[in-house]
Structures are given as structure tokens and as C-alpha cells.
Amino acid sequence: MVVQRLVSEVMTRPVISVTPQTPLQEAVKLLSEHHISGLPVVDGGKLVGELSEQQLMARETGFEAGPYVMLLDSVIYLKNPLQWDKEVHQVLGNSVGELMAGHPHTCKPDLALPAAAKLLQDRRTQRLFVVDAQQALVGVLTRGDVVRALAEAGA
């Protein structure tokens, strides 16, 4: 069992963040310089999204229209064309807002650490952004933070 502490006691702060208008290259530089795999996206002081390595990998692998069949000189795509708009933006986007995921995983600062660890595991995510009642970003809890809390408890 994870040590009985609150997220607010273990989370990382201050948090490096970007806005939707931040140029993509600037965000990539922040990820690289700080050795982190994701950035919260804030707008007007509120958390609105997340830019992670996953979105950057999607951009670098390019756009693929997917499987199709030819029928009487017509192309019938077997992949939902409604997803194409999102994928094209990911490939061609130059700002964080064009590439970010819109619903980041969050938790409250007063959440018990065992419950937060379960969220990390159940949601298969690397981080939970810690937000207050107004959805303002106050910290980030990573899997590494949980491991460090375990190590401290054993010391």
C-alpha cells in the first residue's frame, strides 16, 4: 500500500506549462530540456489540455488515410473520415493548441495518495494534473512522485 499522504504533499510544483498559442517547437524544447514527457496546456489560468509525447509521435508518423476499396472507379474509405480532420491538424499543426489532447487526467490536491496511484494505474497514464476547485493548475503528480514517496516511507 502506498504511504498515507495527500497528493498535495507529494506533487511536483511549480509546473512548467504552455498555452494553446505556444509554438510547437518551443514546447518540444521544454520537454527535452526538462526531461519530461508531457506538458499541461493552460488558457486564462485554467487547464484546457495536455501535450504529450503521444501527440508528437502522431505528428511525426504522418497522416494515413487508412484502408480503402475501389468500386467502379470510386474510392471507398473503410476508416471513419470524421477522424481525418483531427489527424490532419496533428500532422500540419504548428502550435500546441492544434496538437494537444483536450481532456487531461486530473485530480484534486486533497486526494489520498493511494487513490491517486490507483487513478494513474487504472487510466494507464504517466501523470495526473492537480487542479483546484476552479480548474486552475496547482501541480502535477507523476508515477515517479509516487515511487519517491514509497522510497521515503521505507527510509
C-alpha atoms as a PDB file:
ATOM      1  CA  MET A   1       0.000   0.000   0.000  1.00  0.00           C
ATOM      2  CA  VAL A   2       1.214   3.479  -0.834  1.00  0.00           C
ATOM      3  CA  VAL A   3       2.121   5.631   2.123  1.00  0.00           C
ATOM      4  CA  GLN A   4      -0.815   7.552   3.631  1.00  0.00           C
ATOM      5  CA  ARG A   5      -0.168  11.046   2.347  1.00  0.00           C
ATOM      6  CA  LEU A   6      -2.095  13.543   0.237  1.00  0.00           C
ATOM      7  CA  VAL A   7      -1.351  14.394  -3.373  1.00  0.00           C
ATOM      8  CA  SER A   8      -0.543  17.980  -2.309  1.00  0.00           C
ATOM      9  CA  GLU A   9       2.336  16.686  -0.170  1.00  0.00           C
ATOM     10  CA  VAL A  10       3.975  14.713  -2.974  1.00  0.00           C
ATOM     11  CA  MET A  11       3.103  16.530  -6.222  1.00  0.00           C
ATOM     12  CA  THR A  12       5.636  18.457  -8.261  1.00  0.00           C
ATOM     13  CA  ARG A  13       5.344  22.231  -8.311  1.00  0.00           C
ATOM     14  CA  PRO A  14       5.719  24.700  -9.796  1.00  0.00           C
ATOM     15  CA  VAL A  15       4.558  23.138 -13.046  1.00  0.00           C
ATOM     16  CA  ILE A  16       6.068  24.017 -16.394  1.00  0.00           C
ATOM     17  CA  SER A  17       3.133  24.752 -18.698  1.00  0.00           C
ATOM     18  CA  VAL A  18       2.306  26.128 -22.129  1.00  0.00           C
ATOM     19  CA  THR A  19      -0.685  27.868 -23.716  1.00  0.00           C
ATOM     20  CA  PRO A  20      -2.588  26.823 -26.843  1.00  0.00           C
ATOM     21  CA  GLN A  21      -0.777  29.616 -28.714  1.00  0.00           C
ATOM     22  CA  THR A  22       2.715  28.391 -27.773  1.00  0.00           C
ATOM     23  CA  PRO A  23       4.690  27.450 -30.893  1.00  0.00           C
ATOM     24  CA  LEU A  24       5.124  23.701 -31.106  1.00  0.00           C
ATOM     25  CA  GLN A  25       8.905  23.926 -31.387  1.00  0.00           C
ATOM     26  CA  GLU A  26       9.063  25.868 -28.110  1.00  0.00           C
ATOM     27  CA  ALA A  27       7.022  23.166 -26.352  1.00  0.00           C
ATOM     28  CA  VAL A  28       9.255  20.415 -27.760  1.00  0.00           C
ATOM     29  CA  LYS A  29      12.289  22.294 -26.465  1.00  0.00           C
ATOM     30  CA  LEU A  30      10.723  22.476 -22.963  1.00  0.00           C
ATOM     31  CA  LEU A  31      10.014  18.733 -22.985  1.00  0.00           C
ATOM     32  CA  SER A  32      13.582  17.993 -23.993  1.00  0.00           C
ATOM     33  CA  GLU A  33      15.331  20.453 -21.662  1.00  0.00           C
ATOM     34  CA  HIS A  34      13.364  19.402 -18.585  1.00  0.00           C
ATOM     35  CA  HIS A  35      13.325  15.668 -19.384  1.00  0.00           C
ATOM     36  CA  ILE A  36       9.540  15.415 -19.119  1.00  0.00           C
ATOM     37  CA  SER A  37       7.075  13.528 -21.300  1.00  0.00           C
ATOM     38  CA  GLY A  38       4.093  15.865 -21.152  1.00  0.00           C
ATOM     39  CA  LEU A  39       3.059  19.466 -20.604  1.00  0.00           C
ATOM     40  CA  PRO A  40      -0.184  20.902 -19.274  1.00  0.00           C
ATOM     41  CA  VAL A  41      -1.869  23.433 -21.533  1.00  0.00           C
ATOM     42  CA  VAL A  42      -3.427  26.367 -19.680  1.00  0.00           C
ATOM     43  CA  ASP A  43      -5.585  29.161 -21.004  1.00  0.00           C
ATOM     44  CA  GLY A  44      -6.780  32.012 -18.831  1.00  0.00           C
ATOM     45  CA  GLY A  45      -5.357  30.263 -15.779  1.00  0.00           C
ATOM     46  CA  LYS A  46      -7.357  27.066 -16.356  1.00  0.00           C
ATOM     47  CA  LEU A  47      -6.190  23.663 -17.508  1.00  0.00           C
ATOM     48  CA  VAL A  48      -7.543  23.050 -21.029  1.00  0.00           C
ATOM     49  CA  GLY A  49      -5.403  20.210 -22.372  1.00  0.00           C
ATOM     50  CA  GLU A  50      -2.184  18.270 -22.458  1.00  0.00           C
ATOM     51  CA  LEU A  51       0.646  17.983 -24.926  1.00  0.00           C
ATOM     52  CA  SER A  52       2.428  14.653 -24.618  1.00  0.00           C
ATOM     53  CA  GLU A  53       4.948  12.589 -26.493  1.00  0.00           C
ATOM     54  CA  GLN A  54       1.988  10.659 -27.917  1.00  0.00           C
ATOM     55  CA  GLN A  55       0.707  13.677 -29.869  1.00  0.00           C
ATOM     56  CA  LEU A  56       4.216  14.473 -31.062  1.00  0.00           C
ATOM     57  CA  MET A  57       4.706  10.902 -32.267  1.00  0.00           C
ATOM     58  CA  ALA A  58       1.406  11.082 -34.165  1.00  0.00           C
ATOM     59  CA  ARG A  59       2.661  14.233 -35.865  1.00  0.00           C
ATOM     60  CA  GLU A  60       5.941  12.642 -36.881  1.00  0.00           C
ATOM     61  CA  THR A  61       4.402   9.442 -38.239  1.00  0.00           C
ATOM     62  CA  GLY A  62       2.214  11.419 -40.602  1.00  0.00           C
ATOM     63  CA  PHE A  63      -1.330  11.111 -41.855  1.00  0.00           C
ATOM     64  CA  GLU A  64      -2.597   7.819 -43.197  1.00  0.00           C
ATOM     65  CA  ALA A  65      -5.968   7.676 -44.936  1.00  0.00           C
ATOM     66  CA  GLY A  66      -6.337   4.029 -43.971  1.00  0.00           C
ATOM     67  CA  PRO A  67      -7.717   1.029 -45.818  1.00  0.00           C
ATOM     68  CA  TYR A  68      -9.937   1.532 -48.840  1.00  0.00           C
ATOM     69  CA  VAL A  69     -11.606  -0.396 -51.659  1.00  0.00           C
ATOM     70  CA  MET A  70     -12.083   0.570 -55.288  1.00  0.00           C
ATOM     71  CA  LEU A  71     -15.569   0.110 -56.694  1.00  0.00           C
ATOM     72  CA  LEU A  72     -16.476   1.304 -60.196  1.00  0.00           C
ATOM     73  CA  ASP A  73     -13.659   3.879 -60.270  1.00  0.00           C
ATOM     74  CA  SER A  74     -14.664   5.191 -56.845  1.00  0.00           C
ATOM     75  CA  VAL A  75     -12.606   5.074 -53.688  1.00  0.00           C
ATOM     76  CA  ILE A  76     -14.479   3.926 -50.594  1.00  0.00           C
ATOM     77  CA  TYR A  77     -12.529   4.502 -47.407  1.00  0.00           C
ATOM     78  CA  LEU A  78     -13.034   1.952 -44.653  1.00  0.00           C
ATOM     79  CA  LYS A  79     -11.843   4.313 -41.950  1.00  0.00           C
ATOM     80  CA  ASN A  80     -14.127   6.948 -40.453  1.00  0.00           C
ATOM     81  CA  PRO A  81     -13.428  10.183 -42.379  1.00  0.00           C
ATOM     82  CA  LEU A  82     -14.528  12.255 -39.380  1.00  0.00           C
ATOM     83  CA  GLN A  83     -11.226  11.336 -37.687  1.00  0.00           C
ATOM     84  CA  TRP A  84      -9.221  12.690 -40.631  1.00  0.00           C
ATOM     85  CA  ASP A  85      -9.681  16.322 -39.654  1.00  0.00           C
ATOM     86  CA  LYS A  86      -8.064  15.694 -36.276  1.00  0.00           C
ATOM     87  CA  GLU A  87      -5.209  13.681 -37.800  1.00  0.00           C
ATOM     88  CA  VAL A  88      -4.514  16.292 -40.491  1.00  0.00           C
ATOM     89  CA  HIS A  89      -4.309  19.002 -37.803  1.00  0.00           C
ATOM     90  CA  GLN A  90      -1.886  16.845 -35.830  1.00  0.00           C
ATOM     91  CA  VAL A  91       0.358  16.422 -38.843  1.00  0.00           C
ATOM     92  CA  LEU A  92       0.230  20.018 -40.040  1.00  0.00           C
ATOM     93  CA  GLY A  93      -0.141  21.852 -36.717  1.00  0.00           C
ATOM     94  CA  ASN A  94       2.412  24.443 -35.678  1.00  0.00           C
ATOM     95  CA  SER A  95       1.019  25.412 -32.288  1.00  0.00           C
ATOM     96  CA  VAL A  96       0.305  23.478 -29.123  1.00  0.00           C
ATOM     97  CA  GLY A  97      -3.441  24.112 -29.499  1.00  0.00           C
ATOM     98  CA  GLU A  98      -3.510  22.337 -32.861  1.00  0.00           C
ATOM     99  CA  LEU A  99      -1.881  19.222 -31.449  1.00  0.00           C
ATOM    100  CA  MET A 100      -2.921  18.919 -27.792  1.00  0.00           C
ATOM    101  CA  ALA A 101      -5.321  16.392 -26.312  1.00  0.00           C
ATOM    102  CA  GLY A 102      -8.372  18.093 -24.855  1.00  0.00           C
ATOM    103  CA  HIS A 103      -9.209  16.078 -21.750  1.00  0.00           C
ATOM    104  CA  PRO A 104      -6.182  15.630 -19.488  1.00  0.00           C
ATOM    105  CA  HIS A 105      -6.311  13.332 -16.467  1.00  0.00           C
ATOM    106  CA  THR A 106      -6.751  15.358 -13.289  1.00  0.00           C
ATOM    107  CA  CYS A 107      -7.135  15.023  -9.544  1.00  0.00           C
ATOM    108  CA  LYS A 108      -7.602  17.295  -6.547  1.00  0.00           C
ATOM    109  CA  PRO A 109      -4.770  18.205  -4.138  1.00  0.00           C
ATOM    110  CA  ASP A 110      -6.591  16.685  -1.156  1.00  0.00           C
ATOM    111  CA  LEU A 111      -6.856  13.229  -2.758  1.00  0.00           C
ATOM    112  CA  ALA A 112      -5.145  10.459  -0.799  1.00  0.00           C
ATOM    113  CA  LEU A 113      -2.004   9.161  -2.485  1.00  0.00           C
ATOM    114  CA  PRO A 114      -3.242   5.534  -2.673  1.00  0.00           C
ATOM    115  CA  ALA A 115      -6.339   6.727  -4.574  1.00  0.00           C
ATOM    116  CA  ALA A 116      -4.184   8.816  -6.912  1.00  0.00           C
ATOM    117  CA  ALA A 117      -1.888   5.837  -7.549  1.00  0.00           C
ATOM    118  CA  LYS A 118      -4.957   3.788  -8.456  1.00  0.00           C
ATOM    119  CA  LEU A 119      -6.072   6.513 -10.904  1.00  0.00           C
ATOM    120  CA  LEU A 120      -2.640   6.501 -12.541  1.00  0.00           C
ATOM    121  CA  GLN A 121      -2.839   2.728 -12.906  1.00  0.00           C
ATOM    122  CA  ASP A 122      -6.491   2.483 -13.988  1.00  0.00           C
ATOM    123  CA  ARG A 123      -6.205   5.282 -16.556  1.00  0.00           C
ATOM    124  CA  ARG A 124      -2.852   3.988 -17.804  1.00  0.00           C
ATOM    125  CA  THR A 125      -1.358   7.439 -17.693  1.00  0.00           C
ATOM    126  CA  GLN A 126       2.029   8.804 -16.674  1.00  0.00           C
ATOM    127  CA  ARG A 127       0.698  11.873 -14.881  1.00  0.00           C
ATOM    128  CA  LEU A 128      -2.281  13.470 -13.189  1.00  0.00           C
ATOM    129  CA  PHE A 129      -2.590  17.238 -13.336  1.00  0.00           C
ATOM    130  CA  VAL A 130      -3.589  18.571  -9.944  1.00  0.00           C
ATOM    131  CA  VAL A 131      -6.274  21.248 -10.150  1.00  0.00           C
ATOM    132  CA  ASP A 132      -8.160  23.286  -7.571  1.00  0.00           C
ATOM    133  CA  ALA A 133     -11.927  23.835  -7.467  1.00  0.00           C
ATOM    134  CA  GLN A 134     -11.667  26.493 -10.214  1.00  0.00           C
ATOM    135  CA  GLN A 135      -9.731  24.103 -12.502  1.00  0.00           C
ATOM    136  CA  ALA A 136      -6.545  26.137 -12.007  1.00  0.00           C
ATOM    137  CA  LEU A 137      -3.369  24.070 -12.280  1.00  0.00           C
ATOM    138  CA  VAL A 138      -1.591  23.753  -8.921  1.00  0.00           C
ATOM    139  CA  GLY A 139       0.747  20.806  -9.519  1.00  0.00           C
ATOM    140  CA  VAL A 140       1.383  17.527 -11.287  1.00  0.00           C
ATOM    141  CA  LEU A 141       1.607  14.043  -9.827  1.00  0.00           C
ATOM    142  CA  THR A 142       3.695  11.570 -11.808  1.00  0.00           C
ATOM    143  CA  ARG A 143       4.378   7.890 -11.342  1.00  0.00           C
ATOM    144  CA  GLY A 144       7.872   8.947 -10.301  1.00  0.00           C
ATOM    145  CA  ASP A 145       6.433  11.100  -7.496  1.00  0.00           C
ATOM    146  CA  VAL A 146       4.559   8.066  -6.174  1.00  0.00           C
ATOM    147  CA  VAL A 147       7.705   5.907  -6.306  1.00  0.00           C
ATOM    148  CA  ARG A 148       9.707   8.589  -4.472  1.00  0.00           C
ATOM    149  CA  ALA A 149       7.009   8.720  -1.752  1.00  0.00           C
ATOM    150  CA  LEU A 150       7.276   4.942  -1.398  1.00  0.00           C
ATOM    151  CA  ALA A 151      11.056   5.182  -1.112  1.00  0.00           C
ATOM    152  CA  GLU A 152      10.819   7.919   1.538  1.00  0.00           C
ATOM    153  CA  ALA A 153       8.323   5.853   3.548  1.00  0.00           C
ATOM    154  CA  GLY A 154      10.717   2.915   3.569  1.00  0.00           C
ATOM    155  CA  ALA A 155      13.676   5.007   4.718  1.00  0.00           C
END
